Every structure is written in C-alpha cells, then in structure tokens.
Amino acid sequence: MACLFAATYPQRVNSLLVWGAQACWIASPDHPWGQTQEEHDQMIAMIDDDWPSFEYITGPGAGVGRDADPAFIESISRYMRAAASPSAVHAYEKMNGQIDTRPILPSIQAPTLVMNRTGDPCARVEAARDMASRIPGAKFKEYPGNSHSMMLDDMETVLSDIQEFITGERPIDSSDRVLATVLFLDIASSTERAAALGDAAWRNLLNSYYAIVRKELARFRGKPNTTGDAFLAIFDGPARAIRCALAIVLAVRQLGIEVRAGVHTGECEWMGDNVGGIAVHIGARIMAKAEPGCVLVSGTVKDLVSGSGIDFHD
C-alpha cells in the first residue's frame, strides 16, 4: 500500500521506508523467492484449523523465528488471537498471495530505504534486495537476525539509520554518553579589565591565564574542551575537578585577576571533539552564580565527594 501510494501521489510523499517486504509473495519463475502456491495453500488451511499455530508465528506468517523466547511466542499468540479471527486472517493472507507490486516500483520517485533481516523467515532478504533494485535510486540496508521483527537488540541502530536517511543527520549514539564532571571557569569583570588594559595588554594577560589553567588541568588530569574568557574542562572524578578549580583560583591571583568556577557531575554527550548535554548547561549556570574567587558546586558533586576531606559552605 505504501509503494502504491508513493507511485500514485509523488507530490505527497517525502520518502518511502520499507521494512520486511517482498514485491511478490508467491514464488514464480521470474521471482524465485517466497512461498510456492502449495505452501501458501497449506498455510491458509492451517489458519482455518489452528489459529494462531506455532508454525504460523515462527514461520512465514509472523516471522518471529524458531529461536525466539517461548514466553515471547506465547505473548504473540495472545496478541494475534485478540487481533483477528481466523476468517479475517484467511482473507488477509489470500489477499497477500495475490499481491505483485513489481509493475509499479519503477514509478516511485521518492527517496526510498528498503530494510530486511538476513534470515527473515517471512520476507526473504534476496526478494527485498530485488525489490530495492527495481525502485530508482533506492538504498538497501540488511540487518542480522532470523526474525521478521524490527524490534530486536539492534533496534536503536535501525532507528538511527532511518533518521539519518530522512534528515541527513545521524542521532548521537547513546554509547557516546558518559558520566563526567564538568568545570567551567570565567574571568570576573573581564569586559571592564579588557577595556582598561587595551587589546595588546589584555591579550598578554589572557595568554598567561591560559598557561596557568592548562598547567593545572594537566596536573589534575582534566581535559580542556573550549577556550575563551570562559573555559570548559572535563574530569573523570569530581574531587580532582574541585581541587583543580581551587588551585586555579589561587594561581591566577598573581595576575591580578579573579575567576569564578562552577562544577557539576552528570551524563555528557561527546560530539566529535566537543562535549554537550544537560550536564554541561547546568555547569555553565552554576559558574554564572559563583562569586569572584569562589568555586561553586552542585549538590550532586558535594554528595559524590563525601569523605574526600573537602569542606563546603552552603
């Protein structure tokens, strides 16, 4: 139905996504994939006699796969009994046996993504690949598994592929999210100091400031992420981030400046060499509330460094 709609109304279709489908369900000399007519007739007789049978659920009917968990197969069986009567499924499968979309596939103009599992017992991967070859410019993606279902352990990968196909951008992988401590530093009254010193003197002061910050970050194993008047660094431990911030606050006073620091621990997203996420935004907000010469931390950080010997004032 989706293929027919895309071919008939191209102006209304932005893209076409096809999962686990064949252009033709019954095998023929020019389409050797799928059930034979005899196998199809036997399946319909099985529906009339025993709906829903184990063979239908695991085989060409639902394509769950014989290695599926028995509890899952039982849940699918209950779902199918509630979803349709034997006579309705009989009519549905008779209709499927008469479908052949091959004549309309070359007319599809929308960008198309055809997806299939390697061992799908319902839709053969060779037939899906053939289907994709008949649609102009279609992209074919093959995924491992002996099931017809999209909802296996790799579903996040499938959904990411779909999003990238539709939008051109791949979502951030959850594996790129890590628990980290962020440290934000900012020079207090930097605009006023820059105006008073002038460009050349302010640039020299900034270079000295950066040198001190990088030295302390290296000492406490912090990873610098951004530079500028505001400085962001990432640590794998909150206590080191706090001690690093305190060391920087003291060290930069020799330059005649004060810095404010904010520290927070939370899940961060790595985007190439850059880091983002809610934890980073919270860290920036905490720094903005800090007084000059002060290291302000979140309650999360305070709880995590309990017993470290660091004293806090509310």
C-alpha atoms as a PDB file:
ATOM      1  CA  MET A   1       0.000   0.000   0.000  1.00  0.00           C
ATOM      2  CA  ALA A   2       2.837   2.385   0.819  1.00  0.00           C
ATOM      3  CA  CYS A   3       4.552   1.660  -2.512  1.00  0.00           C
ATOM      4  CA  LEU A   4       1.305   2.147  -4.423  1.00  0.00           C
ATOM      5  CA  PHE A   5       0.633   5.441  -2.646  1.00  0.00           C
ATOM      6  CA  ALA A   6       4.187   6.692  -3.324  1.00  0.00           C
ATOM      7  CA  ALA A   7       3.865   5.832  -7.032  1.00  0.00           C
ATOM      8  CA  THR A   8       0.372   7.343  -7.364  1.00  0.00           C
ATOM      9  CA  TYR A   9       0.869  10.558  -5.363  1.00  0.00           C
ATOM     10  CA  PRO A  10       4.562  11.523  -5.686  1.00  0.00           C
ATOM     11  CA  GLN A  11       3.839  15.128  -4.679  1.00  0.00           C
ATOM     12  CA  ARG A  12       2.570  13.919  -1.287  1.00  0.00           C
ATOM     13  CA  VAL A  13       5.485  11.649  -0.402  1.00  0.00           C
ATOM     14  CA  ASN A  14       8.769  12.921   1.029  1.00  0.00           C
ATOM     15  CA  SER A  15      10.340   9.488   1.474  1.00  0.00           C
ATOM     16  CA  LEU A  16       9.400   5.819   1.485  1.00  0.00           C
ATOM     17  CA  LEU A  17      10.544   3.342   4.151  1.00  0.00           C
ATOM     18  CA  VAL A  18      10.040  -0.374   3.524  1.00  0.00           C
ATOM     19  CA  TRP A  19      10.701  -2.995   6.194  1.00  0.00           C
ATOM     20  CA  GLY A  20      10.484  -6.751   5.632  1.00  0.00           C
ATOM     21  CA  ALA A  21       8.621  -6.760   2.327  1.00  0.00           C
ATOM     22  CA  GLN A  22       8.623  -8.547  -0.995  1.00  0.00           C
ATOM     23  CA  ALA A  23       7.246  -7.206  -4.246  1.00  0.00           C
ATOM     24  CA  CYS A  24       5.571 -10.584  -4.768  1.00  0.00           C
ATOM     25  CA  TRP A  25       4.729 -13.108  -2.042  1.00  0.00           C
ATOM     26  CA  ILE A  26       4.269 -16.189  -4.215  1.00  0.00           C
ATOM     27  CA  ALA A  27       7.322 -17.648  -5.965  1.00  0.00           C
ATOM     28  CA  SER A  28       7.357 -17.771  -9.763  1.00  0.00           C
ATOM     29  CA  PRO A  29       9.945 -18.497 -12.470  1.00  0.00           C
ATOM     30  CA  ASP A  30      10.894 -14.787 -12.669  1.00  0.00           C
ATOM     31  CA  HIS A  31      10.642 -14.286  -8.885  1.00  0.00           C
ATOM     32  CA  PRO A  32      12.029 -17.422  -7.171  1.00  0.00           C
ATOM     33  CA  TRP A  33      11.634 -16.141  -3.608  1.00  0.00           C
ATOM     34  CA  GLY A  34       8.695 -16.700  -1.312  1.00  0.00           C
ATOM     35  CA  GLN A  35       6.174 -19.458  -0.781  1.00  0.00           C
ATOM     36  CA  THR A  36       5.118 -21.826  -3.507  1.00  0.00           C
ATOM     37  CA  GLN A  37       1.398 -21.821  -4.218  1.00  0.00           C
ATOM     38  CA  GLU A  38       1.150 -25.200  -2.462  1.00  0.00           C
ATOM     39  CA  GLU A  39       2.911 -23.858   0.661  1.00  0.00           C
ATOM     40  CA  HIS A  40       0.642 -20.830   0.640  1.00  0.00           C
ATOM     41  CA  ASP A  41      -2.489 -23.000   0.419  1.00  0.00           C
ATOM     42  CA  GLN A  42      -1.220 -25.175   3.285  1.00  0.00           C
ATOM     43  CA  MET A  43      -0.656 -22.099   5.427  1.00  0.00           C
ATOM     44  CA  ILE A  44      -4.211 -20.889   4.829  1.00  0.00           C
ATOM     45  CA  ALA A  45      -5.588 -24.322   5.719  1.00  0.00           C
ATOM     46  CA  MET A  46      -3.504 -24.203   8.903  1.00  0.00           C
ATOM     47  CA  ILE A  47      -5.088 -20.841   9.758  1.00  0.00           C
ATOM     48  CA  ASP A  48      -8.547 -22.351   9.393  1.00  0.00           C
ATOM     49  CA  ASP A  49      -7.673 -25.357  11.555  1.00  0.00           C
ATOM     50  CA  ASP A  50      -5.386 -23.924  14.223  1.00  0.00           C
ATOM     51  CA  TRP A  51      -5.166 -20.169  14.635  1.00  0.00           C
ATOM     52  CA  PRO A  52      -2.595 -18.990  15.606  1.00  0.00           C
ATOM     53  CA  SER A  53      -0.306 -22.012  15.326  1.00  0.00           C
ATOM     54  CA  PHE A  54       3.332 -22.204  16.392  1.00  0.00           C
ATOM     55  CA  GLU A  55       4.305 -22.722  12.738  1.00  0.00           C
ATOM     56  CA  TYR A  56       2.485 -19.545  11.656  1.00  0.00           C
ATOM     57  CA  ILE A  57       4.014 -17.421  14.455  1.00  0.00           C
ATOM     58  CA  THR A  58       7.586 -18.602  13.967  1.00  0.00           C
ATOM     59  CA  GLY A  59       7.487 -19.155  10.210  1.00  0.00           C
ATOM     60  CA  PRO A  60       6.172 -17.348   7.137  1.00  0.00           C
ATOM     61  CA  GLY A  61       3.125 -15.889   8.872  1.00  0.00           C
ATOM     62  CA  ALA A  62       4.538 -13.645  11.597  1.00  0.00           C
ATOM     63  CA  GLY A  63       8.217 -14.470  11.146  1.00  0.00           C
ATOM     64  CA  VAL A  64       9.123 -14.393  14.838  1.00  0.00           C
ATOM     65  CA  GLY A  65      11.723 -17.117  14.319  1.00  0.00           C
ATOM     66  CA  ARG A  66      12.025 -20.513  15.980  1.00  0.00           C
ATOM     67  CA  ASP A  67      14.816 -19.374  18.303  1.00  0.00           C
ATOM     68  CA  ALA A  68      12.586 -16.739  19.922  1.00  0.00           C
ATOM     69  CA  ASP A  69      11.915 -16.877  23.652  1.00  0.00           C
ATOM     70  CA  PRO A  70       8.918 -19.170  24.434  1.00  0.00           C
ATOM     71  CA  ALA A  71       7.348 -16.504  26.640  1.00  0.00           C
ATOM     72  CA  PHE A  72       7.575 -14.026  23.766  1.00  0.00           C
ATOM     73  CA  ILE A  73       5.979 -16.537  21.371  1.00  0.00           C
ATOM     74  CA  GLU A  74       3.136 -17.041  23.842  1.00  0.00           C
ATOM     75  CA  SER A  75       2.608 -13.275  24.127  1.00  0.00           C
ATOM     76  CA  ILE A  76       2.473 -13.006  20.317  1.00  0.00           C
ATOM     77  CA  SER A  77      -0.067 -15.832  20.265  1.00  0.00           C
ATOM     78  CA  ARG A  78      -2.339 -13.968  22.716  1.00  0.00           C
ATOM     79  CA  TYR A  79      -1.922 -10.772  20.723  1.00  0.00           C
ATOM     80  CA  MET A  80      -2.904 -12.489  17.467  1.00  0.00           C
ATOM     81  CA  ARG A  81      -5.969 -14.156  18.965  1.00  0.00           C
ATOM     82  CA  ALA A  82      -7.130 -10.741  20.173  1.00  0.00           C
ATOM     83  CA  ALA A  83      -6.253  -9.014  16.897  1.00  0.00           C
ATOM     84  CA  ALA A  84      -8.151 -11.058  14.328  1.00  0.00           C
ATOM     85  CA  SER A  85     -10.469 -14.003  13.813  1.00  0.00           C
ATOM     86  CA  PRO A  86      -9.369 -16.983  11.683  1.00  0.00           C
ATOM     87  CA  SER A  87     -11.675 -15.874   8.872  1.00  0.00           C
ATOM     88  CA  ALA A  88     -10.160 -12.368   8.861  1.00  0.00           C
ATOM     89  CA  VAL A  89      -6.621 -13.763   8.723  1.00  0.00           C
ATOM     90  CA  HIS A  90      -7.706 -16.192   5.994  1.00  0.00           C
ATOM     91  CA  ALA A  91      -8.890 -13.253   3.865  1.00  0.00           C
ATOM     92  CA  TYR A  92      -5.776 -11.240   4.680  1.00  0.00           C
ATOM     93  CA  GLU A  93      -3.361 -13.987   3.622  1.00  0.00           C
ATOM     94  CA  LYS A  94      -5.389 -14.750   0.462  1.00  0.00           C
ATOM     95  CA  MET A  95      -5.020 -11.082  -0.456  1.00  0.00           C
ATOM     96  CA  ASN A  96      -1.264 -11.170   0.277  1.00  0.00           C
ATOM     97  CA  GLY A  97      -0.896 -14.112  -2.072  1.00  0.00           C
ATOM     98  CA  GLN A  98      -2.296 -12.047  -4.945  1.00  0.00           C
ATOM     99  CA  ILE A  99      -0.025  -9.010  -4.451  1.00  0.00           C
ATOM    100  CA  ASP A 100       2.628  -8.192  -7.042  1.00  0.00           C
ATOM    101  CA  THR A 101       3.939  -4.615  -6.922  1.00  0.00           C
ATOM    102  CA  ARG A 102       6.746  -5.095  -9.451  1.00  0.00           C
ATOM    103  CA  PRO A 103       4.966  -3.182 -12.270  1.00  0.00           C
ATOM    104  CA  ILE A 104       4.672  -0.009 -10.153  1.00  0.00           C
ATOM    105  CA  LEU A 105       8.082   0.036  -8.444  1.00  0.00           C
ATOM    106  CA  PRO A 106       9.909   1.878 -11.304  1.00  0.00           C
ATOM    107  CA  SER A 107       7.341   4.709 -10.978  1.00  0.00           C
ATOM    108  CA  ILE A 108       8.313   5.553  -7.396  1.00  0.00           C
ATOM    109  CA  GLN A 109      10.099   8.926  -7.309  1.00  0.00           C
ATOM    110  CA  ALA A 110      10.527   9.408  -3.559  1.00  0.00           C
ATOM    111  CA  PRO A 111      13.864   8.623  -1.866  1.00  0.00           C
ATOM    112  CA  THR A 112      13.405   5.034  -0.699  1.00  0.00           C
ATOM    113  CA  LEU A 113      15.046   2.940   2.018  1.00  0.00           C
ATOM    114  CA  VAL A 114      14.409  -0.821   1.884  1.00  0.00           C
ATOM    115  CA  MET A 115      15.364  -2.786   5.019  1.00  0.00           C
ATOM    116  CA  ASN A 116      15.398  -6.503   5.776  1.00  0.00           C
ATOM    117  CA  ARG A 117      16.935  -9.028   8.152  1.00  0.00           C
ATOM    118  CA  THR A 118      19.289 -11.641   6.738  1.00  0.00           C
ATOM    119  CA  GLY A 119      17.323 -14.651   7.989  1.00  0.00           C
ATOM    120  CA  ASP A 120      13.795 -13.222   7.886  1.00  0.00           C
ATOM    121  CA  PRO A 121      11.517 -16.300   7.524  1.00  0.00           C
ATOM    122  CA  CYS A 122       8.632 -14.147   6.285  1.00  0.00           C
ATOM    123  CA  ALA A 123      10.236 -11.780   3.751  1.00  0.00           C
ATOM    124  CA  ARG A 124      13.300 -13.229   2.046  1.00  0.00           C
ATOM    125  CA  VAL A 125      16.308 -10.942   2.039  1.00  0.00           C
ATOM    126  CA  GLU A 126      17.021 -11.772  -1.627  1.00  0.00           C
ATOM    127  CA  ALA A 127      13.485 -10.689  -2.546  1.00  0.00           C
ATOM    128  CA  ALA A 128      13.847  -7.454  -0.580  1.00  0.00           C
ATOM    129  CA  ARG A 129      17.148  -6.744  -2.335  1.00  0.00           C
ATOM    130  CA  ASP A 130      15.471  -7.382  -5.689  1.00  0.00           C
ATOM    131  CA  MET A 131      12.642  -5.056  -4.700  1.00  0.00           C
ATOM    132  CA  ALA A 132      15.104  -2.257  -3.887  1.00  0.00           C
ATOM    133  CA  SER A 133      16.829  -2.728  -7.259  1.00  0.00           C
ATOM    134  CA  ARG A 134      13.526  -2.032  -9.061  1.00  0.00           C
ATOM    135  CA  ILE A 135      12.973   1.343  -7.326  1.00  0.00           C
ATOM    136  CA  PRO A 136      15.043   4.150  -8.900  1.00  0.00           C
ATOM    137  CA  GLY A 137      17.819   5.255  -6.530  1.00  0.00           C
ATOM    138  CA  ALA A 138      16.589   3.117  -3.620  1.00  0.00           C
ATOM    139  CA  LYS A 139      19.000   2.320  -0.792  1.00  0.00           C
ATOM    140  CA  PHE A 140      19.074  -1.187   0.696  1.00  0.00           C
ATOM    141  CA  LYS A 141      20.076  -1.975   4.300  1.00  0.00           C
ATOM    142  CA  GLU A 142      20.499  -5.524   5.593  1.00  0.00           C
ATOM    143  CA  TYR A 143      20.480  -6.324   9.316  1.00  0.00           C
ATOM    144  CA  PRO A 144      21.411  -9.571  11.088  1.00  0.00           C
ATOM    145  CA  GLY A 145      18.769 -11.786  12.651  1.00  0.00           C
ATOM    146  CA  ASN A 146      16.351 -14.627  11.943  1.00  0.00           C
ATOM    147  CA  SER A 147      13.212 -12.636  12.702  1.00  0.00           C
ATOM    148  CA  HIS A 148      10.759 -10.527  10.732  1.00  0.00           C
ATOM    149  CA  SER A 149      10.644  -8.009  13.565  1.00  0.00           C
ATOM    150  CA  MET A 150      12.385  -4.654  13.647  1.00  0.00           C
ATOM    151  CA  MET A 151      12.322  -4.727  17.446  1.00  0.00           C
ATOM    152  CA  LEU A 152      15.443  -6.721  18.300  1.00  0.00           C
ATOM    153  CA  ASP A 153      18.545  -5.696  20.226  1.00  0.00           C
ATOM    154  CA  ASP A 154      19.769  -3.569  17.316  1.00  0.00           C
ATOM    155  CA  MET A 155      16.593  -1.501  17.049  1.00  0.00           C
ATOM    156  CA  GLU A 156      18.494   1.648  18.052  1.00  0.00           C
ATOM    157  CA  THR A 157      20.798   1.137  15.059  1.00  0.00           C
ATOM    158  CA  VAL A 158      17.814   0.649  12.740  1.00  0.00           C
ATOM    159  CA  LEU A 159      16.116   3.799  14.004  1.00  0.00           C
ATOM    160  CA  SER A 160      19.369   5.758  13.684  1.00  0.00           C
ATOM    161  CA  ASP A 161      19.695   4.613  10.066  1.00  0.00           C
ATOM    162  CA  ILE A 162      16.114   5.716   9.394  1.00  0.00           C
ATOM    163  CA  GLN A 163      16.666   9.127  10.989  1.00  0.00           C
ATOM    164  CA  GLU A 164      19.885   9.637   9.033  1.00  0.00           C
ATOM    165  CA  PHE A 165      18.129   8.661   5.784  1.00  0.00           C
ATOM    166  CA  ILE A 166      15.250  11.085   6.381  1.00  0.00           C
ATOM    167  CA  THR A 167      17.089  14.050   7.922  1.00  0.00           C
ATOM    168  CA  GLY A 168      20.650  13.627   6.681  1.00  0.00           C
ATOM    169  CA  GLU A 169      21.939  13.645  10.261  1.00  0.00           C
ATOM    170  CA  ARG A 170      22.611  10.656  12.469  1.00  0.00           C
ATOM    171  CA  PRO A 171      21.477  10.929  16.100  1.00  0.00           C
ATOM    172  CA  ILE A 172      24.077  10.819  18.826  1.00  0.00           C
ATOM    173  CA  ASP A 173      24.810   7.256  19.828  1.00  0.00           C
ATOM    174  CA  SER A 174      23.945   6.506  23.448  1.00  0.00           C
ATOM    175  CA  SER A 175      27.382   4.902  23.712  1.00  0.00           C
ATOM    176  CA  ASP A 176      28.792   8.432  23.324  1.00  0.00           C
ATOM    177  CA  ARG A 177      27.163   9.440  26.624  1.00  0.00           C
ATOM    178  CA  VAL A 178      29.465   9.212  29.623  1.00  0.00           C
ATOM    179  CA  LEU A 179      29.310  10.228  33.262  1.00  0.00           C
ATOM    180  CA  ALA A 180      31.766  13.087  33.704  1.00  0.00           C
ATOM    181  CA  THR A 181      32.481  16.143  35.822  1.00  0.00           C
ATOM    182  CA  VAL A 182      32.477  19.498  34.051  1.00  0.00           C
ATOM    183  CA  LEU A 183      34.411  22.520  35.266  1.00  0.00           C
ATOM    184  CA  PHE A 184      33.571  25.985  33.954  1.00  0.00           C
ATOM    185  CA  LEU A 185      35.916  28.930  34.567  1.00  0.00           C
ATOM    186  CA  ASP A 186      35.330  32.583  33.786  1.00  0.00           C
ATOM    187  CA  ILE A 187      37.340  35.717  34.479  1.00  0.00           C
ATOM    188  CA  ALA A 188      35.359  38.079  36.692  1.00  0.00           C
ATOM    189  CA  SER A 189      34.690  41.532  35.189  1.00  0.00           C
ATOM    190  CA  SER A 190      36.604  40.558  32.047  1.00  0.00           C
ATOM    191  CA  THR A 191      34.970  43.195  29.851  1.00  0.00           C
ATOM    192  CA  GLU A 192      35.921  46.012  32.209  1.00  0.00           C
ATOM    193  CA  ARG A 193      39.512  44.712  32.565  1.00  0.00           C
ATOM    194  CA  ALA A 194      39.914  44.385  28.791  1.00  0.00           C
ATOM    195  CA  ALA A 195      38.699  47.953  28.258  1.00  0.00           C
ATOM    196  CA  ALA A 196      41.051  49.284  30.938  1.00  0.00           C
ATOM    197  CA  LEU A 197      44.155  47.422  29.712  1.00  0.00           C
ATOM    198  CA  GLY A 198      43.718  47.715  25.963  1.00  0.00           C
ATOM    199  CA  ASP A 199      43.870  44.957  23.373  1.00  0.00           C
ATOM    200  CA  ALA A 200      47.585  44.142  23.475  1.00  0.00           C
ATOM    201  CA  ALA A 201      47.901  44.032  27.269  1.00  0.00           C
ATOM    202  CA  TRP A 202      44.654  42.076  27.614  1.00  0.00           C
ATOM    203  CA  ARG A 203      45.847  39.515  25.063  1.00  0.00           C
ATOM    204  CA  ASN A 204      49.098  39.057  27.005  1.00  0.00           C
ATOM    205  CA  LEU A 205      47.116  38.630  30.224  1.00  0.00           C
ATOM    206  CA  LEU A 206      44.878  36.035  28.598  1.00  0.00           C
ATOM    207  CA  ASN A 207      47.891  34.075  27.367  1.00  0.00           C
ATOM    208  CA  SER A 208      49.313  33.983  30.889  1.00  0.00           C
ATOM    209  CA  TYR A 209      45.897  32.960  32.229  1.00  0.00           C
ATOM    210  CA  TYR A 210      45.587  30.139  29.707  1.00  0.00           C
ATOM    211  CA  ALA A 211      49.071  28.901  30.587  1.00  0.00           C
ATOM    212  CA  ILE A 212      48.160  28.661  34.270  1.00  0.00           C
ATOM    213  CA  VAL A 213      44.846  26.935  33.548  1.00  0.00           C
ATOM    214  CA  ARG A 214      46.404  24.373  31.213  1.00  0.00           C
ATOM    215  CA  LYS A 215      49.188  23.637  33.707  1.00  0.00           C
ATOM    216  CA  GLU A 216      46.706  22.922  36.498  1.00  0.00           C
ATOM    217  CA  LEU A 217      44.437  20.920  34.189  1.00  0.00           C
ATOM    218  CA  ALA A 218      47.368  18.702  33.235  1.00  0.00           C
ATOM    219  CA  ARG A 219      48.268  18.247  36.909  1.00  0.00           C
ATOM    220  CA  PHE A 220      44.745  17.144  37.831  1.00  0.00           C
ATOM    221  CA  ARG A 221      44.112  15.160  34.613  1.00  0.00           C
ATOM    222  CA  GLY A 222      41.456  17.491  33.267  1.00  0.00           C
ATOM    223  CA  LYS A 223      40.709  17.622  29.555  1.00  0.00           C
ATOM    224  CA  PRO A 224      40.258  21.160  28.156  1.00  0.00           C
ATOM    225  CA  ASN A 225      37.347  21.435  25.757  1.00  0.00           C
ATOM    226  CA  THR A 226      36.870  25.119  24.936  1.00  0.00           C
ATOM    227  CA  THR A 227      38.849  28.304  25.303  1.00  0.00           C
ATOM    228  CA  GLY A 228      37.993  31.970  25.520  1.00  0.00           C
ATOM    229  CA  ASP A 229      37.118  34.132  28.500  1.00  0.00           C
ATOM    230  CA  ALA A 230      35.094  31.102  29.640  1.00  0.00           C
ATOM    231  CA  PHE A 231      36.955  27.799  29.924  1.00  0.00           C
ATOM    232  CA  LEU A 232      35.399  24.320  29.969  1.00  0.00           C
ATOM    233  CA  ALA A 233      37.246  21.207  31.120  1.00  0.00           C
ATOM    234  CA  ILE A 234      36.162  17.603  31.641  1.00  0.00           C
ATOM    235  CA  PHE A 235      37.268  15.353  34.513  1.00  0.00           C
ATOM    236  CA  ASP A 236      36.618  11.696  35.299  1.00  0.00           C
ATOM    237  CA  GLY A 237      36.359  12.492  39.014  1.00  0.00           C
ATOM    238  CA  PRO A 238      34.635  15.370  40.872  1.00  0.00           C
ATOM    239  CA  ALA A 239      37.254  15.679  43.651  1.00  0.00           C
ATOM    240  CA  ARG A 240      40.027  16.349  41.117  1.00  0.00           C
ATOM    241  CA  ALA A 241      37.844  18.926  39.387  1.00  0.00           C
ATOM    242  CA  ILE A 242      37.279  20.787  42.674  1.00  0.00           C
ATOM    243  CA  ARG A 243      40.955  20.714  43.652  1.00  0.00           C
ATOM    244  CA  CYS A 244      41.922  21.855  40.179  1.00  0.00           C
ATOM    245  CA  ALA A 245      39.462  24.767  40.366  1.00  0.00           C
ATOM    246  CA  LEU A 246      40.787  25.808  43.802  1.00  0.00           C
ATOM    247  CA  ALA A 247      44.371  25.702  42.508  1.00  0.00           C
ATOM    248  CA  ILE A 248      43.453  27.868  39.512  1.00  0.00           C
ATOM    249  CA  VAL A 249      41.568  30.381  41.672  1.00  0.00           C
ATOM    250  CA  LEU A 250      44.687  30.840  43.829  1.00  0.00           C
ATOM    251  CA  ALA A 251      47.227  30.775  40.983  1.00  0.00           C
ATOM    252  CA  VAL A 252      45.619  33.427  38.779  1.00  0.00           C
ATOM    253  CA  ARG A 253      45.607  35.987  41.589  1.00  0.00           C
ATOM    254  CA  GLN A 254      49.284  36.613  40.772  1.00  0.00           C
ATOM    255  CA  LEU A 255      47.962  38.089  37.513  1.00  0.00           C
ATOM    256  CA  GLY A 256      45.700  40.470  39.395  1.00  0.00           C
ATOM    257  CA  ILE A 257      42.506  38.750  38.290  1.00  0.00           C
ATOM    258  CA  GLU A 258      39.772  36.689  39.931  1.00  0.00           C
ATOM    259  CA  VAL A 259      37.956  33.779  38.352  1.00  0.00           C
ATOM    260  CA  ARG A 260      34.639  32.184  39.179  1.00  0.00           C
ATOM    261  CA  ALA A 261      34.292  28.423  38.843  1.00  0.00           C
ATOM    262  CA  GLY A 262      31.315  26.052  38.545  1.00  0.00           C
ATOM    263  CA  VAL A 263      31.498  22.272  38.937  1.00  0.00           C
ATOM    264  CA  HIS A 264      28.807  19.681  38.159  1.00  0.00           C
ATOM    265  CA  THR A 265      28.717  15.929  37.522  1.00  0.00           C
ATOM    266  CA  GLY A 266      26.282  14.299  35.107  1.00  0.00           C
ATOM    267  CA  GLU A 267      25.880  12.490  31.788  1.00  0.00           C
ATOM    268  CA  CYS A 268      27.613  14.260  28.916  1.00  0.00           C
ATOM    269  CA  GLU A 269      27.374  13.664  25.167  1.00  0.00           C
ATOM    270  CA  TRP A 270      30.534  13.517  23.107  1.00  0.00           C
ATOM    271  CA  MET A 271      30.054  15.056  19.662  1.00  0.00           C
ATOM    272  CA  GLY A 272      33.395  14.538  17.955  1.00  0.00           C
ATOM    273  CA  ASP A 273      35.872  16.564  20.000  1.00  0.00           C
ATOM    274  CA  ASN A 274      33.145  18.633  21.632  1.00  0.00           C
ATOM    275  CA  VAL A 275      31.022  17.818  24.652  1.00  0.00           C
ATOM    276  CA  GLY A 276      27.391  18.744  25.259  1.00  0.00           C
ATOM    277  CA  GLY A 277      24.264  17.754  27.101  1.00  0.00           C
ATOM    278  CA  ILE A 278      22.239  18.956  30.068  1.00  0.00           C
ATOM    279  CA  ALA A 279      25.163  18.462  32.478  1.00  0.00           C
ATOM    280  CA  VAL A 280      27.217  20.993  30.524  1.00  0.00           C
ATOM    281  CA  HIS A 281      24.400  23.553  30.595  1.00  0.00           C
ATOM    282  CA  ILE A 282      23.960  23.058  34.336  1.00  0.00           C
ATOM    283  CA  GLY A 283      27.701  23.526  34.886  1.00  0.00           C
ATOM    284  CA  ALA A 284      27.604  26.826  32.992  1.00  0.00           C
ATOM    285  CA  ARG A 285      24.633  28.049  35.049  1.00  0.00           C
ATOM    286  CA  ILE A 286      26.409  27.134  38.302  1.00  0.00           C
ATOM    287  CA  MET A 287      29.508  29.078  37.256  1.00  0.00           C
ATOM    288  CA  ALA A 288      27.345  32.113  36.416  1.00  0.00           C
ATOM    289  CA  LYS A 289      26.075  32.140  40.016  1.00  0.00           C
ATOM    290  CA  ALA A 290      29.537  31.896  41.595  1.00  0.00           C
ATOM    291  CA  GLU A 291      31.160  34.903  43.240  1.00  0.00           C
ATOM    292  CA  PRO A 292      34.632  36.049  42.042  1.00  0.00           C
ATOM    293  CA  GLY A 293      37.298  33.872  43.627  1.00  0.00           C
ATOM    294  CA  CYS A 294      34.723  31.201  44.507  1.00  0.00           C
ATOM    295  CA  VAL A 295      34.276  27.566  43.433  1.00  0.00           C
ATOM    296  CA  LEU A 296      30.554  26.767  43.384  1.00  0.00           C
ATOM    297  CA  VAL A 297      29.469  23.137  43.047  1.00  0.00           C
ATOM    298  CA  SER A 298      26.159  21.327  42.616  1.00  0.00           C
ATOM    299  CA  GLY A 299      24.636  19.175  45.342  1.00  0.00           C
ATOM    300  CA  THR A 300      25.435  16.157  43.181  1.00  0.00           C
ATOM    301  CA  VAL A 301      29.153  16.941  43.336  1.00  0.00           C
ATOM    302  CA  LYS A 302      29.058  17.503  47.099  1.00  0.00           C
ATOM    303  CA  ASP A 303      27.420  14.108  47.635  1.00  0.00           C
ATOM    304  CA  LEU A 304      29.888  12.323  45.357  1.00  0.00           C
ATOM    305  CA  VAL A 305      32.999  13.607  47.160  1.00  0.00           C
ATOM    306  CA  SER A 306      31.756  12.776  50.647  1.00  0.00           C
ATOM    307  CA  GLY A 307      34.738  11.661  52.739  1.00  0.00           C
ATOM    308  CA  SER A 308      37.316  13.318  50.471  1.00  0.00           C
ATOM    309  CA  GLY A 309      38.297  15.906  53.069  1.00  0.00           C
ATOM    310  CA  ILE A 310      36.948  18.835  51.011  1.00  0.00           C
ATOM    311  CA  ASP A 311      34.968  21.314  53.120  1.00  0.00           C
ATOM    312  CA  PHE A 312      31.861  23.043  51.749  1.00  0.00           C
ATOM    313  CA  HIS A 313      29.895  26.118  52.753  1.00  0.00           C
ATOM    314  CA  ASP A 314      26.244  26.366  51.716  1.00  0.00           C
END
